[in-house]
N, C-alpha and C. Protein backbone atom coordinates (compact mmCIF):
# COMPACT_ATOMS: atom_id res chain seq x y z
N MET A 1 -12.06 -46.40 -20.33
CA MET A 1 -12.14 -45.39 -22.02
C MET A 1 -13.10 -43.94 -20.77
N ARG A 2 -13.79 -44.22 -19.94
CA ARG A 2 -14.32 -42.39 -19.23
C ARG A 2 -13.71 -42.10 -18.75
N THR A 3 -12.26 -43.01 -17.80
CA THR A 3 -11.08 -42.03 -17.35
C THR A 3 -10.31 -41.41 -17.67
N LEU A 4 -9.87 -42.24 -19.28
CA LEU A 4 -9.12 -41.16 -19.75
C LEU A 4 -9.65 -40.20 -20.41
N ALA A 5 -10.87 -39.87 -20.39
CA ALA A 5 -11.31 -38.92 -21.46
C ALA A 5 -11.40 -38.05 -20.10
N GLY A 6 -11.12 -38.42 -18.64
CA GLY A 6 -11.95 -37.73 -17.73
C GLY A 6 -10.34 -36.79 -16.89
N ILE A 7 -9.39 -37.55 -18.00
CA ILE A 7 -8.06 -36.85 -17.69
C ILE A 7 -7.44 -36.18 -18.04
N LEU A 8 -7.89 -36.44 -19.60
CA LEU A 8 -7.44 -35.70 -20.47
C LEU A 8 -8.52 -34.77 -20.28
N THR A 9 -9.68 -34.64 -20.16
CA THR A 9 -10.51 -33.11 -19.84
C THR A 9 -9.46 -31.68 -19.06
N THR A 10 -9.38 -33.15 -18.02
CA THR A 10 -9.10 -32.40 -16.90
C THR A 10 -7.55 -31.21 -16.90
N SER A 11 -7.25 -32.61 -18.08
CA SER A 11 -5.38 -31.40 -18.03
C SER A 11 -5.71 -30.54 -19.09
N ILE A 12 -6.68 -30.57 -20.10
CA ILE A 12 -6.67 -29.75 -21.16
C ILE A 12 -6.84 -28.00 -20.64
N SER A 13 -8.12 -28.34 -19.73
CA SER A 13 -8.78 -27.11 -18.90
C SER A 13 -7.73 -26.06 -17.81
N LEU A 14 -6.66 -27.60 -17.22
CA LEU A 14 -5.43 -26.71 -16.48
C LEU A 14 -4.82 -26.32 -17.28
N LEU A 15 -4.15 -26.41 -18.01
CA LEU A 15 -3.18 -25.74 -19.45
C LEU A 15 -3.72 -24.75 -19.72
N ALA A 16 -5.30 -24.25 -20.20
CA ALA A 16 -6.14 -23.51 -20.59
C ALA A 16 -5.78 -22.46 -19.55
N GLN A 17 -5.69 -22.25 -18.49
CA GLN A 17 -5.43 -21.91 -17.41
C GLN A 17 -5.19 -21.00 -16.69
N SER A 18 -3.79 -21.20 -17.13
CA SER A 18 -2.36 -21.09 -17.27
C SER A 18 -1.86 -19.76 -18.43
N SER A 19 -2.03 -18.64 -17.96
CA SER A 19 -1.74 -17.52 -18.64
C SER A 19 0.14 -16.54 -18.66
N LEU A 20 0.73 -18.08 -18.35
CA LEU A 20 2.16 -17.85 -18.36
C LEU A 20 2.55 -16.55 -20.29
N LYS A 21 3.10 -16.12 -19.57
CA LYS A 21 3.57 -15.61 -21.07
C LYS A 21 5.35 -15.82 -21.20
N TRP A 22 5.64 -16.62 -22.25
CA TRP A 22 7.20 -16.45 -21.18
C TRP A 22 7.90 -15.38 -23.11
N GLU A 23 9.15 -14.09 -22.71
CA GLU A 23 9.22 -13.41 -23.56
C GLU A 23 10.64 -14.35 -24.21
N TYR A 24 11.11 -13.37 -25.11
CA TYR A 24 12.21 -14.55 -25.50
C TYR A 24 13.14 -13.55 -26.24
N ASP A 25 13.47 -11.97 -25.60
CA ASP A 25 13.91 -11.31 -25.58
C ASP A 25 14.05 -10.51 -24.38
N LEU A 26 15.85 -10.99 -24.20
CA LEU A 26 16.17 -10.17 -23.07
C LEU A 26 15.65 -8.84 -22.33
N ALA A 27 15.82 -7.59 -23.39
CA ALA A 27 15.36 -6.19 -23.41
C ALA A 27 13.73 -6.16 -23.14
N ALA A 28 13.17 -7.02 -23.69
CA ALA A 28 11.82 -7.70 -23.72
C ALA A 28 11.45 -7.56 -22.23
N ALA A 29 12.36 -8.80 -21.58
CA ALA A 29 11.64 -9.05 -20.26
C ALA A 29 12.26 -8.00 -19.22
N GLN A 30 13.49 -7.37 -19.95
CA GLN A 30 13.66 -7.24 -18.39
C GLN A 30 13.23 -5.37 -17.99
N ASN A 31 12.14 -5.50 -19.54
CA ASN A 31 11.41 -4.08 -19.26
C ASN A 31 9.74 -4.90 -18.77
N ARG A 32 9.36 -5.37 -19.55
CA ARG A 32 8.13 -6.32 -18.29
C ARG A 32 8.45 -6.64 -17.08
N ALA A 33 9.17 -6.73 -16.69
CA ALA A 33 9.99 -7.51 -15.17
C ALA A 33 9.63 -5.65 -14.71
N LYS A 34 10.75 -4.61 -14.97
CA LYS A 34 10.87 -3.45 -14.28
C LYS A 34 8.62 -2.77 -13.98
N GLN A 35 7.82 -3.61 -15.71
CA GLN A 35 6.89 -3.04 -14.77
C GLN A 35 5.89 -3.95 -13.83
N GLU A 36 5.90 -4.93 -14.11
CA GLU A 36 5.28 -5.89 -13.16
C GLU A 36 5.78 -6.36 -11.99
N GLY A 37 7.05 -5.41 -11.27
CA GLY A 37 7.84 -5.71 -10.76
C GLY A 37 7.99 -6.37 -10.82
N LYS A 38 8.19 -7.54 -11.08
CA LYS A 38 8.96 -8.62 -10.28
C LYS A 38 10.70 -9.17 -11.14
N PRO A 39 11.13 -9.92 -10.82
CA PRO A 39 12.23 -10.96 -10.93
C PRO A 39 12.63 -11.27 -12.48
N VAL A 40 13.58 -11.08 -13.33
CA VAL A 40 13.07 -11.99 -14.57
C VAL A 40 13.98 -13.76 -13.73
N PHE A 41 13.60 -14.48 -14.70
CA PHE A 41 13.61 -15.80 -14.69
C PHE A 41 14.60 -16.31 -16.26
N VAL A 42 15.17 -16.67 -16.66
CA VAL A 42 16.28 -17.06 -17.74
C VAL A 42 16.21 -17.93 -18.08
N ASP A 43 15.94 -18.33 -19.20
CA ASP A 43 16.11 -20.25 -18.88
C ASP A 43 16.56 -19.66 -20.30
N VAL A 44 17.89 -20.34 -20.57
CA VAL A 44 18.96 -20.98 -21.42
C VAL A 44 19.05 -22.02 -22.07
N TRP A 45 19.19 -22.54 -23.13
CA TRP A 45 18.64 -23.46 -24.23
C TRP A 45 19.09 -23.52 -25.10
N ALA A 46 19.84 -25.01 -25.09
CA ALA A 46 20.00 -25.13 -26.57
C ALA A 46 19.74 -26.96 -27.20
N GLU A 47 19.89 -26.73 -28.83
CA GLU A 47 19.02 -27.60 -29.25
C GLU A 47 19.65 -29.16 -29.07
N TRP A 48 20.92 -29.36 -28.67
CA TRP A 48 21.52 -30.31 -28.72
C TRP A 48 21.90 -30.84 -26.91
N CYS A 49 21.95 -30.13 -25.95
CA CYS A 49 21.67 -30.40 -24.72
C CYS A 49 20.43 -30.74 -24.00
N PRO A 50 20.31 -31.77 -24.42
CA PRO A 50 18.98 -33.40 -23.45
C PRO A 50 18.13 -32.29 -22.00
N PRO A 51 19.59 -32.22 -20.98
CA PRO A 51 18.89 -31.77 -20.33
C PRO A 51 18.03 -30.42 -20.13
N CYS A 52 18.38 -29.89 -20.99
CA CYS A 52 17.81 -28.39 -21.56
C CYS A 52 16.33 -28.71 -22.71
N GLN A 53 16.38 -29.85 -23.46
CA GLN A 53 15.07 -30.54 -23.57
C GLN A 53 14.36 -30.93 -22.91
N HIS A 54 14.43 -31.22 -21.92
CA HIS A 54 14.07 -32.10 -20.83
C HIS A 54 12.93 -30.64 -20.04
N LEU A 55 13.87 -30.04 -19.29
CA LEU A 55 12.62 -28.53 -19.45
C LEU A 55 11.79 -28.74 -20.13
N ARG A 56 12.49 -28.14 -21.04
CA ARG A 56 11.31 -27.30 -22.23
C ARG A 56 10.04 -28.36 -22.18
N ASN A 57 10.39 -29.95 -22.75
CA ASN A 57 9.17 -30.56 -22.73
C ASN A 57 8.73 -31.62 -21.98
N VAL A 58 8.87 -30.84 -20.74
CA VAL A 58 8.51 -32.18 -19.79
C VAL A 58 8.57 -30.90 -18.42
N VAL A 59 9.23 -30.28 -17.83
CA VAL A 59 9.39 -29.47 -16.88
C VAL A 59 8.38 -28.26 -17.04
N PHE A 60 8.35 -27.55 -17.92
CA PHE A 60 7.77 -26.30 -17.62
C PHE A 60 6.32 -26.47 -18.52
N PRO A 61 6.41 -26.94 -19.36
CA PRO A 61 4.67 -26.97 -19.27
C PRO A 61 4.34 -28.38 -18.47
N PHE A 62 4.07 -28.22 -17.74
CA PHE A 62 3.24 -28.96 -16.30
C PHE A 62 3.03 -27.80 -15.64
N LEU A 63 1.36 -28.16 -14.95
CA LEU A 63 1.28 -27.23 -14.51
C LEU A 63 1.85 -26.77 -13.00
N GLU A 64 2.24 -27.36 -11.76
CA GLU A 64 3.14 -26.61 -11.66
C GLU A 64 4.09 -25.93 -11.82
N ALA A 65 4.99 -26.36 -12.33
CA ALA A 65 6.22 -25.70 -13.24
C ALA A 65 5.73 -24.09 -13.35
N GLN A 66 4.46 -23.99 -14.18
CA GLN A 66 3.69 -23.21 -14.23
C GLN A 66 3.52 -21.78 -13.67
N GLN A 67 2.60 -22.84 -12.53
CA GLN A 67 2.32 -21.40 -11.53
C GLN A 67 3.38 -20.89 -10.58
N GLU A 68 4.01 -21.67 -10.49
CA GLU A 68 5.34 -21.17 -9.74
C GLU A 68 6.35 -20.55 -10.42
N LEU A 69 5.86 -20.59 -12.14
CA LEU A 69 6.60 -19.24 -12.99
C LEU A 69 6.30 -17.90 -13.04
N THR A 70 4.51 -18.18 -12.23
CA THR A 70 4.29 -17.01 -12.42
C THR A 70 4.68 -15.78 -11.45
N GLY A 71 5.55 -15.79 -10.68
CA GLY A 71 6.56 -14.84 -9.88
C GLY A 71 7.55 -14.17 -10.71
N TYR A 72 7.42 -14.49 -11.45
CA TYR A 72 8.40 -14.28 -12.19
C TYR A 72 8.58 -13.76 -13.44
N VAL A 73 8.87 -13.22 -15.03
CA VAL A 73 9.08 -13.13 -16.09
C VAL A 73 10.21 -14.05 -16.83
N PRO A 74 9.69 -14.55 -17.38
CA PRO A 74 10.07 -15.88 -17.73
C PRO A 74 11.02 -15.68 -19.40
N VAL A 75 12.11 -15.83 -19.23
CA VAL A 75 12.63 -15.36 -20.40
C VAL A 75 13.35 -16.93 -21.38
N SER A 76 13.51 -16.79 -22.09
CA SER A 76 13.44 -18.30 -23.33
C SER A 76 14.87 -17.78 -24.03
N LEU A 77 15.68 -17.64 -24.12
CA LEU A 77 16.92 -17.47 -24.92
C LEU A 77 17.86 -18.85 -25.52
N MET A 78 18.06 -18.93 -26.68
CA MET A 78 18.41 -20.01 -27.37
C MET A 78 19.88 -19.66 -27.54
N ALA A 79 20.53 -20.74 -26.63
CA ALA A 79 21.98 -19.84 -26.23
C ALA A 79 22.11 -20.17 -28.05
């Protein structure tokens, strides 16, 4: 149990360190990207799309994915 508690504590603290802010409006993302001098990363998804749900629920929350996205202004647009 101590190992599980340590893993959960570490995971929670690593996620708390992430300051990735997703936009949900393309114009707002473009304005922010211009201000920050970053490119825009656009994620277009649909509720019925299994690969889209995998990205949203598994890939994007992963710490390494969040670290990579810090070089972009990410925007999530539902199709």
